[in-house]
C-alpha atoms as a PDB file:
ATOM      1  CA  MET A   1     -17.812  31.070 -10.894  1.00  0.00           C
ATOM      2  CA  LYS A   2     -16.863  33.547  -8.066  1.00  0.00           C
ATOM      3  CA  CYS A   3     -14.876  30.836  -6.832  1.00  0.00           C
ATOM      4  CA  SER A   4     -11.861  29.207  -8.734  1.00  0.00           C
ATOM      5  CA  ASN A   5     -11.713  25.547  -9.179  1.00  0.00           C
ATOM      6  CA  GLU A   6      -8.475  24.949  -6.875  1.00  0.00           C
ATOM      7  CA  GLU A   7     -10.940  27.055  -4.328  1.00  0.00           C
ATOM      8  CA  LEU A   8     -13.818  24.650  -4.959  1.00  0.00           C
ATOM      9  CA  VAL A   9     -11.521  21.303  -4.290  1.00  0.00           C
ATOM     10  CA  GLU A  10     -10.533  23.346  -0.958  1.00  0.00           C
ATOM     11  CA  VAL A  11     -14.299  23.524  -0.143  1.00  0.00           C
ATOM     12  CA  VAL A  12     -14.295  19.480  -0.540  1.00  0.00           C
ATOM     13  CA  TYR A  13     -11.159  18.875   1.568  1.00  0.00           C
ATOM     14  CA  ARG A  14     -12.495  20.348   4.593  1.00  0.00           C
ATOM     15  CA  TYR A  15     -15.789  18.322   4.502  1.00  0.00           C
ATOM     16  CA  TYR A  16     -14.284  15.252   3.028  1.00  0.00           C
ATOM     17  CA  PRO A  17     -11.753  13.363   4.161  1.00  0.00           C
ATOM     18  CA  ARG A  18      -8.707  12.596   1.834  1.00  0.00           C
ATOM     19  CA  GLY A  19      -7.301   9.105   1.274  1.00  0.00           C
ATOM     20  CA  VAL A  20     -10.261   7.491   3.372  1.00  0.00           C
ATOM     21  CA  SER A  21     -12.289   5.270   1.981  1.00  0.00           C
ATOM     22  CA  ARG A  22     -15.964   5.324   2.492  1.00  0.00           C
ATOM     23  CA  GLU A  23     -16.175   1.328   3.999  1.00  0.00           C
ATOM     24  CA  ASP A  24     -12.959   2.590   6.536  1.00  0.00           C
ATOM     25  CA  PRO A  25     -14.487   2.999  10.135  1.00  0.00           C
ATOM     26  CA  ARG A  26     -12.232   5.767  10.330  1.00  0.00           C
ATOM     27  CA  TYR A  27     -14.053   7.796   7.600  1.00  0.00           C
ATOM     28  CA  LYS A  28     -17.136   8.690  10.155  1.00  0.00           C
ATOM     29  CA  ARG A  29     -14.666   9.473  12.949  1.00  0.00           C
ATOM     30  CA  THR A  30     -12.863  12.159  10.961  1.00  0.00           C
ATOM     31  CA  GLU A  31     -13.291  16.188  11.495  1.00  0.00           C
ATOM     32  CA  GLU A  32     -14.190  16.172   7.687  1.00  0.00           C
ATOM     33  CA  TYR A  33     -17.219  13.897   8.019  1.00  0.00           C
ATOM     34  CA  GLY A  34     -18.691  15.414  11.417  1.00  0.00           C
ATOM     35  CA  ARG A  35     -18.601  19.149   9.634  1.00  0.00           C
ATOM     36  CA  LEU A  36     -20.624  17.997   6.369  1.00  0.00           C
ATOM     37  CA  VAL A  37     -22.966  16.580   8.875  1.00  0.00           C
ATOM     38  CA  ASP A  38     -23.194  19.286  11.003  1.00  0.00           C
ATOM     39  CA  ALA A  39     -23.750  21.168   7.399  1.00  0.00           C
ATOM     40  CA  ARG A  40     -26.810  18.941   6.439  1.00  0.00           C
ATOM     41  CA  ARG A  41     -28.776  19.010   9.909  1.00  0.00           C
ATOM     42  CA  ARG A  42     -28.292  22.846  10.170  1.00  0.00           C
ATOM     43  CA  ALA A  43     -29.949  23.394   6.000  1.00  0.00           C
ATOM     44  CA  GLY A  44     -32.774  21.170   7.247  1.00  0.00           C
ATOM     45  CA  ASP A  45     -32.989  23.282  10.529  1.00  0.00           C
ATOM     46  CA  GLU A  46     -33.048  26.596   8.420  1.00  0.00           C
ATOM     47  CA  CYS A  47     -34.861  25.509   5.448  1.00  0.00           C
ATOM     48  CA  GLY A  48     -37.397  28.432   5.124  1.00  0.00           C
ATOM     49  CA  ARG A  49     -35.746  30.038   2.132  1.00  0.00           C
ATOM     50  CA  TRP A  50     -35.698  26.479   0.683  1.00  0.00           C
ATOM     51  CA  GLN A  51     -39.512  25.857   0.976  1.00  0.00           C
ATOM     52  CA  GLY A  52     -40.532  28.980  -0.308  1.00  0.00           C
ATOM     53  CA  VAL A  53     -38.263  28.419  -3.696  1.00  0.00           C
ATOM     54  CA  LEU A  54     -40.632  25.083  -3.547  1.00  0.00           C
ATOM     55  CA  ASN A  55     -44.018  26.925  -2.777  1.00  0.00           C
ATOM     56  CA  ARG A  56     -43.269  29.346  -5.507  1.00  0.00           C
ATOM     57  CA  ILE A  57     -41.956  26.834  -8.754  1.00  0.00           C
ATOM     58  CA  HIS A  58     -44.953  24.720  -7.180  1.00  0.00           C
ATOM     59  CA  ASP A  59     -47.608  27.954  -7.533  1.00  0.00           C
ATOM     60  CA  LYS A  60     -45.832  28.441 -10.818  1.00  0.00           C
ATOM     61  CA  PHE A  61     -46.247  24.970 -12.792  1.00  0.00           C
ATOM     62  CA  PRO A  62     -49.589  23.733 -10.704  1.00  0.00           C
ATOM     63  CA  GLU A  63     -49.851  21.220 -13.019  1.00  0.00           C
ATOM     64  CA  SER A  64     -46.676  19.165 -12.456  1.00  0.00           C
ATOM     65  CA  SER A  65     -45.802  17.116 -10.192  1.00  0.00           C
ATOM     66  CA  LEU A  66     -43.127  18.585  -7.721  1.00  0.00           C
ATOM     67  CA  ILE A  67     -40.578  16.337  -5.021  1.00  0.00           C
ATOM     68  CA  ASP A  68     -38.709  17.645  -2.291  1.00  0.00           C
ATOM     69  CA  ARG A  69     -35.587  15.258  -2.241  1.00  0.00           C
ATOM     70  CA  SER A  70     -34.035  17.139   0.803  1.00  0.00           C
ATOM     71  CA  ILE A  71     -36.352  15.887   3.457  1.00  0.00           C
ATOM     72  CA  HIS A  72     -33.586  13.876   4.730  1.00  0.00           C
ATOM     73  CA  LEU A  73     -31.086  16.471   5.754  1.00  0.00           C
ATOM     74  CA  PRO A  74     -32.355  17.130   9.648  1.00  0.00           C
ATOM     75  CA  THR A  75     -30.545  13.644   9.801  1.00  0.00           C
ATOM     76  CA  GLY A  76     -27.475  14.668   8.846  1.00  0.00           C
ATOM     77  CA  SER A  77     -27.307  11.315   6.521  1.00  0.00           C
ATOM     78  CA  TYR A  78     -26.075  12.096   2.772  1.00  0.00           C
ATOM     79  CA  ASP A  79     -26.097  15.003   0.206  1.00  0.00           C
ATOM     80  CA  ALA A  80     -24.661  18.048   0.546  1.00  0.00           C
ATOM     81  CA  CYS A  81     -27.461  20.188  -0.900  1.00  0.00           C
ATOM     82  CA  TYR A  82     -31.210  20.827  -1.590  1.00  0.00           C
ATOM     83  CA  ALA A  83     -32.878  19.174  -4.267  1.00  0.00           C
ATOM     84  CA  GLY A  84     -35.883  18.498  -6.126  1.00  0.00           C
ATOM     85  CA  HIS A  85     -37.683  16.998  -9.312  1.00  0.00           C
ATOM     86  CA  LEU A  86     -40.166  19.210 -11.214  1.00  0.00           C
ATOM     87  CA  SER A  87     -42.199  16.688 -13.637  1.00  0.00           C
ATOM     88  CA  VAL A  88     -42.781  17.749 -16.892  1.00  0.00           C
ATOM     89  CA  GLY A  89     -44.472  14.136 -18.161  1.00  0.00           C
ATOM     90  CA  ALA A  90     -42.619  11.536 -20.396  1.00  0.00           C
ATOM     91  CA  SER A  91     -43.762  12.356 -24.081  1.00  0.00           C
ATOM     92  CA  ALA A  92     -41.596  10.110 -26.163  1.00  0.00           C
ATOM     93  CA  PRO A  93     -42.203   6.476 -27.532  1.00  0.00           C
ATOM     94  CA  GLY A  94     -40.229   4.170 -24.632  1.00  0.00           C
ATOM     95  CA  GLU A  95     -40.125   7.084 -21.677  1.00  0.00           C
ATOM     96  CA  TYR A  96     -41.559   6.520 -18.548  1.00  0.00           C
ATOM     97  CA  SER A  97     -40.343  10.002 -16.441  1.00  0.00           C
ATOM     98  CA  HIS A  98     -39.169  13.327 -17.419  1.00  0.00           C
ATOM     99  CA  VAL A  99     -37.728  15.932 -14.750  1.00  0.00           C
ATOM    100  CA  ILE A 100     -36.095  18.936 -14.182  1.00  0.00           C
ATOM    101  CA  GLY A 101     -33.894  18.613 -11.146  1.00  0.00           C
ATOM    102  CA  PHE A 102     -32.568  21.214  -9.631  1.00  0.00           C
ATOM    103  CA  MET A 103     -30.039  21.118  -6.331  1.00  0.00           C
ATOM    104  CA  VAL A 104     -28.557  24.147  -4.237  1.00  0.00           C
ATOM    105  CA  SER A 105     -25.481  23.539  -2.503  1.00  0.00           C
ATOM    106  CA  LEU A 106     -25.048  23.860   1.137  1.00  0.00           C
ATOM    107  CA  LEU A 107     -21.029  23.793   0.915  1.00  0.00           C
ATOM    108  CA  VAL A 108     -20.261  26.442  -2.017  1.00  0.00           C
ATOM    109  CA  SER A 109     -22.609  29.797  -3.666  1.00  0.00           C
ATOM    110  CA  CYS A 110     -23.989  27.149  -6.587  1.00  0.00           C
ATOM    111  CA  TYR A 111     -26.701  25.866  -8.073  1.00  0.00           C
ATOM    112  CA  VAL A 112     -27.084  23.234 -10.937  1.00  0.00           C
ATOM    113  CA  VAL A 113     -30.209  22.603 -12.823  1.00  0.00           C
ATOM    114  CA  TYR A 114     -30.306  19.303 -15.549  1.00  0.00           C
ATOM    115  CA  SER A 115     -32.920  16.856 -16.898  1.00  0.00           C
ATOM    116  CA  MET A 116     -33.254  13.531 -16.462  1.00  0.00           C
ATOM    117  CA  ARG A 117     -34.895  11.316 -18.494  1.00  0.00           C
ATOM    118  CA  THR A 118     -35.996   7.317 -17.755  1.00  0.00           C
ATOM    119  CA  VAL A 119     -36.197   5.314 -20.833  1.00  0.00           C
ATOM    120  CA  ASP A 120     -36.146   2.301 -22.735  1.00  0.00           C
ATOM    121  CA  ASP A 121     -32.491   0.794 -22.528  1.00  0.00           C
ATOM    122  CA  LEU A 122     -32.814  -0.514 -26.359  1.00  0.00           C
ATOM    123  CA  GLU A 123     -29.491  -2.012 -25.913  1.00  0.00           C
ATOM    124  CA  GLU A 124     -29.852  -3.968 -22.448  1.00  0.00           C
ATOM    125  CA  ILE A 125     -33.018  -5.239 -24.580  1.00  0.00           C
ATOM    126  CA  GLU A 126     -31.552  -6.580 -27.294  1.00  0.00           C
ATOM    127  CA  ARG A 127     -28.651  -8.381 -25.182  1.00  0.00           C
ATOM    128  CA  ILE A 128     -31.569  -9.892 -22.907  1.00  0.00           C
ATOM    129  CA  ARG A 129     -32.978 -10.849 -26.182  1.00  0.00           C
ATOM    130  CA  VAL A 130     -30.208 -12.622 -27.119  1.00  0.00           C
ATOM    131  CA  ILE A 131     -29.456 -14.547 -24.256  1.00  0.00           C
ATOM    132  CA  ASN A 132     -32.898 -16.152 -24.296  1.00  0.00           C
ATOM    133  CA  ALA A 133     -32.414 -16.857 -27.695  1.00  0.00           C
ATOM    134  CA  THR A 134     -28.993 -18.690 -26.986  1.00  0.00           C
ATOM    135  CA  PRO A 135     -29.080 -22.854 -26.253  1.00  0.00           C
ATOM    136  CA  SER A 136     -28.154 -23.500 -23.072  1.00  0.00           C
ATOM    137  CA  ARG A 137     -26.284 -25.901 -21.815  1.00  0.00           C
ATOM    138  CA  HIS A 138     -27.279 -25.475 -18.127  1.00  0.00           C
ATOM    139  CA  VAL A 139     -30.490 -24.816 -16.483  1.00  0.00           C
ATOM    140  CA  SER A 140     -31.547 -23.441 -12.653  1.00  0.00           C
ATOM    141  CA  VAL A 141     -33.811 -24.928 -11.310  1.00  0.00           C
ATOM    142  CA  PHE A 142     -35.285 -23.436  -7.939  1.00  0.00           C
ATOM    143  CA  ALA A 143     -36.864 -26.336  -5.427  1.00  0.00           C
ATOM    144  CA  TYR A 144     -38.314 -24.577  -2.559  1.00  0.00           C
ATOM    145  CA  ASP A 145     -34.877 -22.942  -0.960  1.00  0.00           C
ATOM    146  CA  THR A 146     -32.447 -25.017  -2.627  1.00  0.00           C
ATOM    147  CA  HIS A 147     -30.734 -24.088  -6.101  1.00  0.00           C
ATOM    148  CA  TYR A 148     -29.552 -26.762  -8.779  1.00  0.00           C
ATOM    149  CA  VAL A 149     -27.899 -26.513 -12.098  1.00  0.00           C
ATOM    150  CA  LEU A 150     -28.680 -29.072 -14.178  1.00  0.00           C
ATOM    151  CA  PRO A 151     -28.051 -30.091 -17.545  1.00  0.00           C
ATOM    152  CA  ALA A 152     -30.103 -28.540 -20.139  1.00  0.00           C
ATOM    153  CA  TRP A 153     -31.893 -31.964 -21.207  1.00  0.00           C
ATOM    154  CA  MET A 154     -33.353 -32.487 -17.357  1.00  0.00           C
ATOM    155  CA  GLY A 155     -34.117 -29.530 -17.326  1.00  0.00           C
ATOM    156  CA  LYS A 156     -36.774 -30.125 -20.158  1.00  0.00           C
ATOM    157  CA  LEU A 157     -38.125 -33.086 -17.969  1.00  0.00           C
ATOM    158  CA  VAL A 158     -38.644 -30.858 -14.912  1.00  0.00           C
ATOM    159  CA  ARG A 159     -39.951 -28.295 -16.665  1.00  0.00           C
ATOM    160  CA  LEU A 160     -42.348 -30.450 -18.117  1.00  0.00           C
ATOM    161  CA  VAL A 161     -43.424 -31.854 -14.195  1.00  0.00           C
ATOM    162  CA  LYS A 162     -42.495 -28.734 -12.001  1.00  0.00           C
ATOM    163  CA  PRO A 163     -42.433 -25.980 -14.976  1.00  0.00           C
ATOM    164  CA  ASN A 164     -42.645 -23.458 -11.450  1.00  0.00           C
ATOM    165  CA  PHE A 165     -39.349 -24.584 -10.446  1.00  0.00           C
ATOM    166  CA  VAL A 166     -37.296 -23.663 -13.594  1.00  0.00           C
ATOM    167  CA  GLU A 167     -35.646 -20.158 -13.376  1.00  0.00           C
ATOM    168  CA  PRO A 168     -38.037 -18.288 -16.132  1.00  0.00           C
ATOM    169  CA  PRO A 169     -36.262 -16.109 -19.254  1.00  0.00           C
ATOM    170  CA  LEU A 170     -34.896 -12.745 -18.467  1.00  0.00           C
ATOM    171  CA  PRO A 171     -37.607 -10.499 -18.944  1.00  0.00           C
ATOM    172  CA  LEU A 172     -37.952  -8.108 -22.176  1.00  0.00           C
ATOM    173  CA  GLU A 173     -37.527  -4.698 -20.302  1.00  0.00           C
ATOM    174  CA  ALA A 174     -34.691  -2.611 -19.277  1.00  0.00           C
ATOM    175  CA  ARG A 175     -34.713   1.179 -18.580  1.00  0.00           C
ATOM    176  CA  ARG A 176     -31.667   3.696 -18.158  1.00  0.00           C
ATOM    177  CA  GLN A 177     -31.644   7.230 -16.891  1.00  0.00           C
ATOM    178  CA  ASP A 178     -30.644   9.596 -19.136  1.00  0.00           C
ATOM    179  CA  LEU A 179     -29.426  12.812 -17.005  1.00  0.00           C
ATOM    180  CA  SER A 180     -28.156  16.062 -18.863  1.00  0.00           C
ATOM    181  CA  PHE A 181     -27.328  19.604 -18.628  1.00  0.00           C
ATOM    182  CA  ASP A 182     -27.907  20.623 -22.268  1.00  0.00           C
ATOM    183  CA  LEU A 183     -31.322  21.134 -22.084  1.00  0.00           C
ATOM    184  CA  SER A 184     -33.853  20.907 -25.160  1.00  0.00           C
ATOM    185  CA  PRO A 185     -36.384  23.665 -25.735  1.00  0.00           C
ATOM    186  CA  ASP A 186     -39.163  22.285 -24.142  1.00  0.00           C
ATOM    187  CA  GLU A 187     -37.558  21.897 -21.145  1.00  0.00           C
ATOM    188  CA  GLN A 188     -36.211  25.541 -21.161  1.00  0.00           C
ATOM    189  CA  PRO A 189     -39.134  27.212 -19.930  1.00  0.00           C
ATOM    190  CA  TYR A 190     -39.239  24.964 -16.815  1.00  0.00           C
ATOM    191  CA  ALA A 191     -35.597  25.319 -16.273  1.00  0.00           C
ATOM    192  CA  THR A 192     -35.005  29.057 -16.850  1.00  0.00           C
ATOM    193  CA  TRP A 193     -37.848  29.887 -14.608  1.00  0.00           C
ATOM    194  CA  VAL A 194     -36.365  27.575 -11.915  1.00  0.00           C
ATOM    195  CA  ALA A 195     -32.153  28.629 -11.896  1.00  0.00           C
ATOM    196  CA  GLN A 196     -34.002  32.596 -12.129  1.00  0.00           C
ATOM    197  CA  GLU A 197     -35.797  31.577  -8.478  1.00  0.00           C
ATOM    198  CA  ILE A 198     -32.842  30.221  -7.218  1.00  0.00           C
ATOM    199  CA  GLU A 199     -30.875  33.177  -8.569  1.00  0.00           C
ATOM    200  CA  HIS A 200     -33.020  35.262  -7.048  1.00  0.00           C
ATOM    201  CA  THR A 201     -33.572  33.607  -3.130  1.00  0.00           C
ATOM    202  CA  TRP A 202     -29.784  32.894  -2.735  1.00  0.00           C
ATOM    203  CA  GLY A 203     -27.782  35.111  -5.422  1.00  0.00           C
ATOM    204  CA  TYR A 204     -26.079  31.871  -6.469  1.00  0.00           C
ATOM    205  CA  GLU A 205     -24.419  31.277  -9.792  1.00  0.00           C
ATOM    206  CA  ARG A 206     -24.987  28.209 -11.690  1.00  0.00           C
ATOM    207  CA  MET A 207     -21.970  25.621 -11.911  1.00  0.00           C
ATOM    208  CA  PRO A 208     -20.846  24.541 -15.260  1.00  0.00           C
ATOM    209  CA  PRO A 209     -20.275  21.127 -16.454  1.00  0.00           C
ATOM    210  CA  LEU A 210     -17.048  20.930 -16.859  1.00  0.00           C
ATOM    211  CA  VAL A 211     -16.231  21.995 -13.376  1.00  0.00           C
ATOM    212  CA  GLY A 212     -18.818  20.435 -11.744  1.00  0.00           C
ATOM    213  CA  LYS A 213     -17.417  17.103 -13.298  1.00  0.00           C
ATOM    214  CA  LEU A 214     -13.640  17.558 -12.101  1.00  0.00           C
ATOM    215  CA  ILE A 215     -12.763  14.086 -10.200  1.00  0.00           C
ATOM    216  CA  ILE A 216     -11.277  14.224  -6.791  1.00  0.00           C
ATOM    217  CA  PRO A 217      -9.264  11.489  -7.043  1.00  0.00           C
ATOM    218  CA  ASP A 218      -8.039  11.539  -3.437  1.00  0.00           C
ATOM    219  CA  VAL A 219     -12.146  11.885  -1.426  1.00  0.00           C
ATOM    220  CA  ALA A 220     -14.958   9.213  -1.222  1.00  0.00           C
ATOM    221  CA  THR A 221     -18.479   9.769  -1.197  1.00  0.00           C
ATOM    222  CA  ASP A 222     -21.723   7.593   0.279  1.00  0.00           C
ATOM    223  CA  SER A 223     -21.899   6.221  -3.523  1.00  0.00           C
ATOM    224  CA  ARG A 224     -18.603   7.029  -5.029  1.00  0.00           C
ATOM    225  CA  LEU A 225     -15.255   5.123  -4.893  1.00  0.00           C
ATOM    226  CA  LEU A 226     -11.840   6.397  -4.191  1.00  0.00           C
ATOM    227  CA  GLY A 227     -10.928   7.797  -7.575  1.00  0.00           C
ATOM    228  CA  GLU A 228     -14.512   7.909  -8.668  1.00  0.00           C
ATOM    229  CA  ALA A 229     -15.998  11.369  -7.009  1.00  0.00           C
ATOM    230  CA  THR A 230     -16.254  14.468  -8.779  1.00  0.00           C
ATOM    231  CA  LEU A 231     -17.073  18.222  -7.835  1.00  0.00           C
ATOM    232  CA  TYR A 232     -20.812  17.408  -8.261  1.00  0.00           C
ATOM    233  CA  ASP A 233     -20.866  14.385  -6.136  1.00  0.00           C
ATOM    234  CA  CYS A 234     -19.154  16.091  -3.238  1.00  0.00           C
ATOM    235  CA  LEU A 235     -20.500  19.772  -3.366  1.00  0.00           C
ATOM    236  CA  PHE A 236     -24.401  18.757  -4.326  1.00  0.00           C
ATOM    237  CA  SER A 237     -24.816  14.870  -4.182  1.00  0.00           C
ATOM    238  CA  ASP A 238     -23.548  11.652  -5.522  1.00  0.00           C
ATOM    239  CA  SER A 239     -27.100  10.308  -6.442  1.00  0.00           C
ATOM    240  CA  TRP A 240     -29.075  12.324  -8.853  1.00  0.00           C
END
């Protein structure tokens, strides 16, 4: 890394106000927030290199779906990076999507490459199964725009007459997203090529997870409260 942790934190403080929550009306009036908005808009206007990278990735992996997640930058609304998703296809049972994600920071000379899998959340599915199987003393009944909570025996009567009024059991499905910086052998060819393309285009270095996961306790982002935001959230995106 060309920048020390201390230098990276100082960059964060240049673009994020210290000690001000995102819900505070003062947040968007701070100099720091103004600098971040300007950086986003400038990157949105000067996106030639980014579009070139996307074009070359598409040409290299034409069978894979490629999504540009940076089209909002000209609005100055959110993120501090160029970001993309390259779909490599779901292959395992209970897996619904599998992408190689990549981000190029607008604020420091760093990038990240990671994998994201959307899979069945088996623990949550089991929790829902237990809830559905446990007898309840009360039943929720929705009659048009009114919600009633009735004793279970009354709910049985309503179910006989108006079954559509009684709240159905929770569906036995739940999914989670697994993000990893430790790429598997099947992911390496995609990730390595993308990383090399970014380095060739910008000359940037990859930010290690031990650095990126460092918490900056006195700043907030769009999706992170004070005490939650990491260097990844501030210098790249808080929406992975």
